């Protein structure tokens, strides 16, 4: 994945968002553009190696983000903005699996990767 990102963005990426908690900082920091940002929102117990020199020489930054710190008003504002982008077709969501409510437990197993077949994209549970 890192080689493909470097190939597609030879000048670096403006934002690298790690929401999986992998924290491969030694591979991701070099992918940042000058002034780029890396956002981390998972991996509470992780203790990755931080390549400080590669971070500061790019004038890059590393930020943490946890959605549970947001207020109800901030969450509502974000939901409104996201829904607006979805309705206009600007923000697209890839749906990988649709399941009836009776298979809600299976939807959790798909997301956790404990099913033999893993879902690619969002799993939508329908009433």
Foldseek 3Di string as FASTA:
>chain_A
DLVVLCVVCVQADQEAEDAPQPPPQVSRLLRHHQQHEYEYEDNVPDDDDHPVVSQVVSVYYYYYDYPVVDDPVRVVVVVVVVVVCVVVVNDDFDEFEEEEPVCVVVQVCLVVVVDPDHTDTHYHYHD
